[in-house]
C-alpha atoms as a PDB file:
ATOM      1  CA  MET A   1      10.418  -1.699 -18.589  1.00  0.00           C
ATOM      2  CA  ALA A   2      13.443  -3.458 -20.070  1.00  0.00           C
ATOM      3  CA  ASP A   3      12.828  -4.244 -23.769  1.00  0.00           C
ATOM      4  CA  ARG A   4       9.196  -5.207 -23.266  1.00  0.00           C
ATOM      5  CA  LEU A   5       6.873  -3.618 -25.816  1.00  0.00           C
ATOM      6  CA  PRO A   6       4.287  -1.525 -23.936  1.00  0.00           C
ATOM      7  CA  LEU A   7       0.691  -2.657 -24.402  1.00  0.00           C
ATOM      8  CA  ILE A   8      -2.425  -0.513 -24.069  1.00  0.00           C
ATOM      9  CA  ALA A   9      -5.686  -2.500 -24.059  1.00  0.00           C
ATOM     10  CA  ALA A  10      -9.232  -1.139 -24.307  1.00  0.00           C
ATOM     11  CA  ASN A  11     -11.899  -3.180 -22.537  1.00  0.00           C
ATOM     12  CA  TRP A  12     -15.235  -1.812 -23.742  1.00  0.00           C
ATOM     13  CA  LYS A  13     -17.196  -4.149 -21.447  1.00  0.00           C
ATOM     14  CA  MET A  14     -20.965  -4.120 -22.279  1.00  0.00           C
ATOM     15  CA  ASN A  15     -20.816  -0.991 -24.414  1.00  0.00           C
ATOM     16  CA  PHE A  16     -21.014  -0.111 -28.116  1.00  0.00           C
ATOM     17  CA  THR A  17     -23.176  -1.487 -30.898  1.00  0.00           C
ATOM     18  CA  ILE A  18     -21.519  -2.423 -34.190  1.00  0.00           C
ATOM     19  CA  GLU A  19     -22.125   1.068 -35.560  1.00  0.00           C
ATOM     20  CA  GLU A  20     -20.723   2.706 -32.428  1.00  0.00           C
ATOM     21  CA  SER A  21     -17.679   0.423 -32.516  1.00  0.00           C
ATOM     22  CA  LEU A  22     -16.869   1.359 -36.108  1.00  0.00           C
ATOM     23  CA  LYS A  23     -17.288   5.060 -35.338  1.00  0.00           C
ATOM     24  CA  PHE A  24     -14.832   4.680 -32.450  1.00  0.00           C
ATOM     25  CA  ILE A  25     -12.193   3.002 -34.632  1.00  0.00           C
ATOM     26  CA  THR A  26     -12.569   5.732 -37.264  1.00  0.00           C
ATOM     27  CA  ALA A  27     -12.224   8.429 -34.597  1.00  0.00           C
ATOM     28  CA  LEU A  28      -9.242   6.737 -32.923  1.00  0.00           C
ATOM     29  CA  THR A  29      -7.296   6.275 -36.154  1.00  0.00           C
ATOM     30  CA  HIS A  30      -7.984   9.920 -37.007  1.00  0.00           C
ATOM     31  CA  GLU A  31      -6.877  11.039 -33.546  1.00  0.00           C
ATOM     32  CA  LEU A  32      -3.803   8.818 -33.409  1.00  0.00           C
ATOM     33  CA  LYS A  33      -1.671   9.576 -36.437  1.00  0.00           C
ATOM     34  CA  ALA A  34       1.329   7.772 -34.966  1.00  0.00           C
ATOM     35  CA  ALA A  35       1.118   5.455 -31.957  1.00  0.00           C
ATOM     36  CA  GLY A  36       4.845   5.221 -31.298  1.00  0.00           C
ATOM     37  CA  ASN A  37       6.494   2.145 -29.857  1.00  0.00           C
ATOM     38  CA  VAL A  38       3.358   0.575 -28.360  1.00  0.00           C
ATOM     39  CA  GLU A  39       0.969  -2.304 -29.016  1.00  0.00           C
ATOM     40  CA  ILE A  40      -2.746  -1.442 -28.991  1.00  0.00           C
ATOM     41  CA  VAL A  41      -5.456  -4.032 -28.306  1.00  0.00           C
ATOM     42  CA  ILE A  42      -9.222  -3.455 -28.561  1.00  0.00           C
ATOM     43  CA  ALA A  43     -11.741  -5.733 -26.792  1.00  0.00           C
ATOM     44  CA  PRO A  44     -15.299  -5.039 -28.047  1.00  0.00           C
ATOM     45  CA  PRO A  45     -18.430  -6.960 -26.972  1.00  0.00           C
ATOM     46  CA  PHE A  46     -18.941 -10.292 -28.764  1.00  0.00           C
ATOM     47  CA  THR A  47     -21.540  -8.889 -31.187  1.00  0.00           C
ATOM     48  CA  ALA A  48     -19.083  -6.305 -32.509  1.00  0.00           C
ATOM     49  CA  LEU A  49     -15.993  -8.533 -32.705  1.00  0.00           C
ATOM     50  CA  TYR A  50     -16.191  -9.432 -36.393  1.00  0.00           C
ATOM     51  CA  SER A  51     -17.018  -5.943 -37.675  1.00  0.00           C
ATOM     52  CA  THR A  52     -14.427  -4.313 -35.443  1.00  0.00           C
ATOM     53  CA  GLY A  53     -11.864  -6.886 -36.539  1.00  0.00           C
ATOM     54  CA  VAL A  54     -12.501  -6.008 -40.186  1.00  0.00           C
ATOM     55  CA  ALA A  55     -12.040  -2.313 -39.377  1.00  0.00           C
ATOM     56  CA  LEU A  56      -8.853  -3.043 -37.417  1.00  0.00           C
ATOM     57  CA  SER A  57      -7.387  -5.046 -40.319  1.00  0.00           C
ATOM     58  CA  GLU A  58      -6.409  -1.726 -41.908  1.00  0.00           C
ATOM     59  CA  THR A  59      -4.641  -0.590 -38.733  1.00  0.00           C
ATOM     60  CA  PRO A  60      -1.797  -1.973 -36.569  1.00  0.00           C
ATOM     61  CA  PHE A  61      -4.285  -2.524 -33.708  1.00  0.00           C
ATOM     62  CA  LYS A  62      -5.047  -6.038 -32.412  1.00  0.00           C
ATOM     63  CA  LEU A  63      -8.402  -7.629 -31.533  1.00  0.00           C
ATOM     64  CA  ALA A  64      -9.308  -9.241 -28.194  1.00  0.00           C
ATOM     65  CA  ALA A  65     -12.364 -10.962 -26.744  1.00  0.00           C
ATOM     66  CA  GLN A  66     -13.556 -10.074 -23.245  1.00  0.00           C
ATOM     67  CA  ASN A  67     -14.138 -13.667 -22.148  1.00  0.00           C
ATOM     68  CA  MET A  68     -14.459 -17.254 -23.404  1.00  0.00           C
ATOM     69  CA  PHE A  69     -15.619 -20.691 -22.276  1.00  0.00           C
ATOM     70  CA  TRP A  70     -13.287 -23.629 -21.757  1.00  0.00           C
ATOM     71  CA  GLU A  71     -15.185 -26.276 -23.751  1.00  0.00           C
ATOM     72  CA  GLU A  72     -14.766 -26.621 -27.503  1.00  0.00           C
ATOM     73  CA  SER A  73     -18.454 -26.958 -28.412  1.00  0.00           C
ATOM     74  CA  GLY A  74     -21.680 -28.515 -27.166  1.00  0.00           C
ATOM     75  CA  ALA A  75     -24.726 -27.831 -25.014  1.00  0.00           C
ATOM     76  CA  PHE A  76     -23.505 -24.641 -23.344  1.00  0.00           C
ATOM     77  CA  THR A  77     -26.190 -22.089 -24.125  1.00  0.00           C
ATOM     78  CA  GLY A  78     -24.902 -18.546 -24.372  1.00  0.00           C
ATOM     79  CA  GLU A  79     -21.215 -19.455 -24.222  1.00  0.00           C
ATOM     80  CA  ILE A  80     -18.446 -18.721 -26.752  1.00  0.00           C
ATOM     81  CA  SER A  81     -15.516 -21.062 -27.362  1.00  0.00           C
ATOM     82  CA  GLY A  82     -11.924 -20.259 -28.203  1.00  0.00           C
ATOM     83  CA  ALA A  83     -12.480 -21.555 -31.738  1.00  0.00           C
ATOM     84  CA  PHE A  84     -15.251 -19.002 -32.261  1.00  0.00           C
ATOM     85  CA  ILE A  85     -13.239 -15.985 -31.151  1.00  0.00           C
ATOM     86  CA  LYS A  86     -10.182 -17.180 -33.049  1.00  0.00           C
ATOM     87  CA  ASP A  87     -12.436 -17.506 -36.113  1.00  0.00           C
ATOM     88  CA  VAL A  88     -13.327 -13.797 -36.032  1.00  0.00           C
ATOM     89  CA  GLY A  89      -9.697 -12.736 -35.817  1.00  0.00           C
ATOM     90  CA  CYS A  90      -8.944 -12.398 -32.109  1.00  0.00           C
ATOM     91  CA  GLU A  91      -5.337 -12.688 -30.986  1.00  0.00           C
ATOM     92  CA  TYR A  92      -5.996 -11.944 -27.306  1.00  0.00           C
ATOM     93  CA  VAL A  93      -8.642 -12.839 -24.725  1.00  0.00           C
ATOM     94  CA  ILE A  94      -9.263 -11.223 -21.332  1.00  0.00           C
ATOM     95  CA  LEU A  95      -9.684 -13.861 -18.614  1.00  0.00           C
ATOM     96  CA  GLY A  96     -10.481 -13.603 -14.917  1.00  0.00           C
ATOM     97  CA  HIS A  97     -11.604  -9.979 -14.982  1.00  0.00           C
ATOM     98  CA  SER A  98     -12.795  -8.861 -11.551  1.00  0.00           C
ATOM     99  CA  GLU A  99     -16.336  -8.389 -12.878  1.00  0.00           C
ATOM    100  CA  ARG A 100     -16.373 -12.017 -14.049  1.00  0.00           C
ATOM    101  CA  ARG A 101     -15.146 -13.089 -10.607  1.00  0.00           C
ATOM    102  CA  GLN A 102     -17.387 -10.772  -8.558  1.00  0.00           C
ATOM    103  CA  ILE A 103     -20.634 -10.656 -10.562  1.00  0.00           C
ATOM    104  CA  PHE A 104     -20.627 -14.048 -12.272  1.00  0.00           C
ATOM    105  CA  GLY A 105     -18.922 -16.085  -9.588  1.00  0.00           C
ATOM    106  CA  GLU A 106     -15.983 -17.356 -11.629  1.00  0.00           C
ATOM    107  CA  SER A 107     -13.568 -19.255  -9.418  1.00  0.00           C
ATOM    108  CA  ASN A 108      -9.808 -19.543  -9.777  1.00  0.00           C
ATOM    109  CA  GLU A 109     -10.339 -23.109 -10.991  1.00  0.00           C
ATOM    110  CA  MET A 110     -12.768 -22.009 -13.728  1.00  0.00           C
ATOM    111  CA  ILE A 111     -10.337 -19.328 -14.870  1.00  0.00           C
ATOM    112  CA  ALA A 112      -7.523 -21.904 -14.967  1.00  0.00           C
ATOM    113  CA  LYS A 113      -9.574 -24.018 -17.386  1.00  0.00           C
ATOM    114  CA  LYS A 114     -10.183 -20.966 -19.569  1.00  0.00           C
ATOM    115  CA  VAL A 115      -6.457 -20.196 -19.597  1.00  0.00           C
ATOM    116  CA  GLN A 116      -5.701 -23.727 -20.786  1.00  0.00           C
ATOM    117  CA  ALA A 117      -8.379 -23.460 -23.496  1.00  0.00           C
ATOM    118  CA  ALA A 118      -6.954 -20.141 -24.694  1.00  0.00           C
ATOM    119  CA  ILE A 119      -3.524 -21.711 -25.088  1.00  0.00           C
ATOM    120  CA  ARG A 120      -5.002 -24.611 -27.075  1.00  0.00           C
ATOM    121  CA  HIS A 121      -6.368 -22.071 -29.551  1.00  0.00           C
ATOM    122  CA  ASN A 122      -3.174 -19.997 -29.732  1.00  0.00           C
ATOM    123  CA  LEU A 123      -4.877 -17.062 -28.056  1.00  0.00           C
ATOM    124  CA  VAL A 124      -2.810 -14.849 -25.763  1.00  0.00           C
ATOM    125  CA  PRO A 125      -4.491 -14.660 -22.350  1.00  0.00           C
ATOM    126  CA  ILE A 126      -4.697 -11.314 -20.600  1.00  0.00           C
ATOM    127  CA  LEU A 127      -5.006 -12.848 -17.139  1.00  0.00           C
ATOM    128  CA  CYS A 128      -6.501 -10.476 -14.564  1.00  0.00           C
ATOM    129  CA  ILE A 129      -5.712 -10.760 -10.873  1.00  0.00           C
ATOM    130  CA  GLY A 130      -6.389  -8.473  -7.934  1.00  0.00           C
ATOM    131  CA  GLU A 131      -7.755  -8.028  -4.435  1.00  0.00           C
ATOM    132  CA  THR A 132     -10.902  -6.484  -2.984  1.00  0.00           C
ATOM    133  CA  LEU A 133     -10.813  -3.507  -0.631  1.00  0.00           C
ATOM    134  CA  ALA A 134     -11.495  -5.767   2.372  1.00  0.00           C
ATOM    135  CA  GLU A 135      -8.599  -8.034   1.376  1.00  0.00           C
ATOM    136  CA  ARG A 136      -6.264  -5.055   0.967  1.00  0.00           C
ATOM    137  CA  GLU A 137      -7.266  -3.643   4.356  1.00  0.00           C
ATOM    138  CA  ALA A 138      -6.651  -7.066   5.889  1.00  0.00           C
ATOM    139  CA  ARG A 139      -3.149  -6.984   4.339  1.00  0.00           C
ATOM    140  CA  LYS A 140      -3.927 -10.002   2.161  1.00  0.00           C
ATOM    141  CA  THR A 141      -3.164  -8.370  -1.205  1.00  0.00           C
ATOM    142  CA  TRP A 142      -0.211 -10.549  -2.150  1.00  0.00           C
ATOM    143  CA  ASN A 143      -1.730 -13.747  -0.726  1.00  0.00           C
ATOM    144  CA  ILE A 144      -4.798 -13.234  -2.911  1.00  0.00           C
ATOM    145  CA  CYS A 145      -2.788 -12.378  -6.029  1.00  0.00           C
ATOM    146  CA  GLU A 146      -0.367 -15.253  -5.529  1.00  0.00           C
ATOM    147  CA  ASN A 147      -3.220 -17.748  -5.107  1.00  0.00           C
ATOM    148  CA  GLN A 148      -4.914 -16.480  -8.259  1.00  0.00           C
ATOM    149  CA  LEU A 149      -1.654 -16.799 -10.200  1.00  0.00           C
ATOM    150  CA  LYS A 150      -0.786 -20.192  -8.753  1.00  0.00           C
ATOM    151  CA  THR A 151      -4.154 -21.705  -9.660  1.00  0.00           C
ATOM    152  CA  ALA A 152      -4.431 -20.156 -13.126  1.00  0.00           C
ATOM    153  CA  LEU A 153      -0.896 -21.146 -14.147  1.00  0.00           C
ATOM    154  CA  SER A 154      -0.647 -24.497 -12.359  1.00  0.00           C
ATOM    155  CA  SER A 155      -0.756 -26.582 -15.552  1.00  0.00           C
ATOM    156  CA  ILE A 156       0.958 -24.152 -17.917  1.00  0.00           C
ATOM    157  CA  GLN A 157       4.257 -25.032 -19.563  1.00  0.00           C
ATOM    158  CA  LEU A 158       7.173 -22.603 -19.655  1.00  0.00           C
ATOM    159  CA  LYS A 159       6.912 -22.089 -23.431  1.00  0.00           C
ATOM    160  CA  ALA A 160       3.268 -20.990 -23.132  1.00  0.00           C
ATOM    161  CA  ILE A 161       3.827 -18.520 -20.291  1.00  0.00           C
ATOM    162  CA  GLU A 162       6.251 -16.423 -22.364  1.00  0.00           C
ATOM    163  CA  ASN A 163       3.412 -14.903 -24.386  1.00  0.00           C
ATOM    164  CA  PHE A 164       1.122 -14.283 -21.420  1.00  0.00           C
ATOM    165  CA  ILE A 165      -0.108 -10.890 -20.346  1.00  0.00           C
ATOM    166  CA  ILE A 166      -0.904 -10.472 -16.646  1.00  0.00           C
ATOM    167  CA  ALA A 167      -3.071  -7.544 -15.598  1.00  0.00           C
ATOM    168  CA  TYR A 168      -3.050  -6.437 -11.973  1.00  0.00           C
ATOM    169  CA  GLU A 169      -6.407  -4.796 -11.334  1.00  0.00           C
ATOM    170  CA  PRO A 170      -7.239  -4.040  -7.708  1.00  0.00           C
ATOM    171  CA  VAL A 171     -10.984  -4.692  -7.449  1.00  0.00           C
ATOM    172  CA  TRP A 172     -11.436  -1.623  -5.267  1.00  0.00           C
ATOM    173  CA  ALA A 173     -10.243   0.539  -8.164  1.00  0.00           C
ATOM    174  CA  ILE A 174     -12.491  -0.904 -10.894  1.00  0.00           C
ATOM    175  CA  GLY A 175     -15.124   1.621 -11.952  1.00  0.00           C
ATOM    176  CA  THR A 176     -14.822   3.478  -8.648  1.00  0.00           C
ATOM    177  CA  GLY A 177     -12.693   6.381  -9.751  1.00  0.00           C
ATOM    178  CA  ARG A 178     -10.105   5.279  -7.177  1.00  0.00           C
ATOM    179  CA  GLN A 179      -6.705   4.205  -8.418  1.00  0.00           C
ATOM    180  CA  ALA A 180      -3.707   2.525  -6.896  1.00  0.00           C
ATOM    181  CA  THR A 181      -0.835   4.961  -6.522  1.00  0.00           C
ATOM    182  CA  PRO A 182       2.068   4.427  -8.935  1.00  0.00           C
ATOM    183  CA  GLU A 183       4.066   3.099  -5.974  1.00  0.00           C
ATOM    184  CA  GLN A 184       1.334   0.621  -4.999  1.00  0.00           C
ATOM    185  CA  ALA A 185       1.066  -0.595  -8.594  1.00  0.00           C
ATOM    186  CA  GLN A 186       4.842  -0.959  -8.913  1.00  0.00           C
ATOM    187  CA  GLU A 187       5.057  -2.923  -5.643  1.00  0.00           C
ATOM    188  CA  ILE A 188       2.579  -5.575  -6.790  1.00  0.00           C
ATOM    189  CA  HIS A 189       3.932  -5.688 -10.358  1.00  0.00           C
ATOM    190  CA  HIS A 190       7.405  -6.293  -8.940  1.00  0.00           C
ATOM    191  CA  MET A 191       6.064  -9.092  -6.730  1.00  0.00           C
ATOM    192  CA  ILE A 192       4.344 -10.684  -9.739  1.00  0.00           C
ATOM    193  CA  ARG A 193       7.573 -10.590 -11.765  1.00  0.00           C
ATOM    194  CA  ASN A 194       9.521 -12.101  -8.854  1.00  0.00           C
ATOM    195  CA  TRP A 195       6.935 -14.866  -8.511  1.00  0.00           C
ATOM    196  CA  ILE A 196       7.154 -15.669 -12.242  1.00  0.00           C
ATOM    197  CA  SER A 197      10.953 -15.727 -11.931  1.00  0.00           C
ATOM    198  CA  LYS A 198      10.860 -18.199  -9.041  1.00  0.00           C
ATOM    199  CA  THR A 199       8.064 -20.339 -10.489  1.00  0.00           C
ATOM    200  CA  PHE A 200       9.301 -20.437 -14.096  1.00  0.00           C
ATOM    201  CA  ASP A 201      12.612 -18.645 -14.697  1.00  0.00           C
ATOM    202  CA  GLY A 202      14.197 -15.215 -14.649  1.00  0.00           C
ATOM    203  CA  ALA A 203      14.396 -14.766 -18.412  1.00  0.00           C
ATOM    204  CA  THR A 204      10.693 -15.518 -18.800  1.00  0.00           C
ATOM    205  CA  ALA A 205       9.865 -13.089 -15.991  1.00  0.00           C
ATOM    206  CA  GLN A 206      11.785 -10.330 -17.775  1.00  0.00           C
ATOM    207  CA  ARG A 207       9.952 -10.935 -21.057  1.00  0.00           C
ATOM    208  CA  LEU A 208       6.463 -11.212 -19.558  1.00  0.00           C
ATOM    209  CA  ARG A 209       4.342  -8.059 -19.759  1.00  0.00           C
ATOM    210  CA  ILE A 210       2.350  -6.944 -16.724  1.00  0.00           C
ATOM    211  CA  LEU A 211      -0.406  -4.356 -17.110  1.00  0.00           C
ATOM    212  CA  TYR A 212      -2.168  -2.187 -14.558  1.00  0.00           C
ATOM    213  CA  GLY A 213      -5.958  -1.878 -14.655  1.00  0.00           C
ATOM    214  CA  GLY A 214      -8.259   0.128 -12.424  1.00  0.00           C
ATOM    215  CA  SER A 215      -9.863   3.485 -13.273  1.00  0.00           C
ATOM    216  CA  VAL A 216      -6.981   4.398 -15.597  1.00  0.00           C
ATOM    217  CA  LYS A 217      -7.336   7.948 -16.927  1.00  0.00           C
ATOM    218  CA  ALA A 218      -5.234  10.033 -19.295  1.00  0.00           C
ATOM    219  CA  LYS A 219      -4.252  12.477 -16.532  1.00  0.00           C
ATOM    220  CA  THR A 220      -2.777   9.699 -14.355  1.00  0.00           C
ATOM    221  CA  SER A 221      -1.538   7.162 -16.910  1.00  0.00           C
ATOM    222  CA  ARG A 222       1.892   8.677 -17.571  1.00  0.00           C
ATOM    223  CA  GLU A 223       3.038   8.294 -13.963  1.00  0.00           C
ATOM    224  CA  ILE A 224       1.711   4.730 -13.765  1.00  0.00           C
ATOM    225  CA  LEU A 225       3.369   3.814 -17.076  1.00  0.00           C
ATOM    226  CA  SER A 226       6.686   5.254 -15.903  1.00  0.00           C
ATOM    227  CA  GLN A 227       7.057   2.557 -13.237  1.00  0.00           C
ATOM    228  CA  PRO A 228       9.780   0.008 -14.138  1.00  0.00           C
ATOM    229  CA  ASP A 229       7.571  -3.089 -13.854  1.00  0.00           C
ATOM    230  CA  VAL A 230       4.404  -1.596 -15.397  1.00  0.00           C
ATOM    231  CA  ASP A 231       4.344  -2.581 -19.073  1.00  0.00           C
ATOM    232  CA  GLY A 232       1.008  -1.068 -20.045  1.00  0.00           C
ATOM    233  CA  VAL A 233      -2.558  -0.539 -18.909  1.00  0.00           C
ATOM    234  CA  LEU A 234      -5.918  -2.282 -19.260  1.00  0.00           C
ATOM    235  CA  VAL A 235      -8.372   0.581 -19.711  1.00  0.00           C
ATOM    236  CA  GLY A 236     -12.104   0.377 -18.958  1.00  0.00           C
ATOM    237  CA  GLY A 237     -14.334   3.456 -18.950  1.00  0.00           C
ATOM    238  CA  ALA A 238     -11.704   5.793 -20.381  1.00  0.00           C
ATOM    239  CA  SER A 239     -11.353   3.520 -23.428  1.00  0.00           C
ATOM    240  CA  LEU A 240     -14.875   4.502 -24.556  1.00  0.00           C
ATOM    241  CA  ASP A 241     -13.661   7.989 -25.463  1.00  0.00           C
ATOM    242  CA  PRO A 242     -11.330   7.891 -28.498  1.00  0.00           C
ATOM    243  CA  VAL A 243      -9.719  11.216 -27.584  1.00  0.00           C
ATOM    244  CA  GLU A 244      -8.917  10.183 -24.016  1.00  0.00           C
ATOM    245  CA  PHE A 245      -7.834   6.698 -25.081  1.00  0.00           C
ATOM    246  CA  ALA A 246      -5.471   8.257 -27.635  1.00  0.00           C
ATOM    247  CA  GLU A 247      -4.083  10.469 -24.838  1.00  0.00           C
ATOM    248  CA  ILE A 248      -3.396   7.380 -22.727  1.00  0.00           C
ATOM    249  CA  ILE A 249      -1.574   5.767 -25.651  1.00  0.00           C
ATOM    250  CA  ARG A 250       0.492   8.923 -26.157  1.00  0.00           C
ATOM    251  CA  SER A 251       1.399   8.924 -22.453  1.00  0.00           C
ATOM    252  CA  VAL A 252       3.538   5.776 -22.884  1.00  0.00           C
ATOM    253  CA  PRO A 253       7.177   6.776 -22.222  1.00  0.00           C
ATOM    254  CA  GLN A 254       9.159   6.540 -25.465  1.00  0.00           C
ATOM    255  CA  LYS A 255      12.788   5.421 -25.431  1.00  0.00           C
END
């Protein structure tokens, strides 16, 4: 993985109250005496962002939001702007997650506007891309991923893309217990890096971190993380267990 710092991100989705979030952080810091050469990012639900951020301030862990809206303020009931999540201490924001695309109907164009808003607020986007099972079986995996990348990054300047995180998460592996093989993950990650190289430049492509997401578990993470173009993982269900999440962090190959 060249000199790219591995990143392990926990996406708690719609789980954990404030109290539960704080208990998790206490348990994780107890479990993980030394994280090694790895960056750790926690994405709680909106209601727990501030409290979790305060707890994380005494750790090397970073705070992320699970979503955001592209407008700055106004009559958008129920939405959260980049300014709000920046205000509570977020450095990262997950955008384009398959559940946002599949359940809430977010289009590539909507996600592109969110990406631009994140950059305006100096938030690092964790941009999720991936194909459904039907698209994979129709051999459209790369076409789908390339279109998602092309739309989301169409108006992004080279300087901004350097800090991006891209997460490849095959939709058919989200919450299903199924997982792409290490070889399948590596193939798509390599294609993503090649596309970034051709679209922006080679140096940027080598610096950009690409994560794998999709039913990541401690027992399978080491092999996934050993692939040359896999720079970390975006963890869903397994990130709700501090012991298992710590095991995933410890599975990062150390140089």
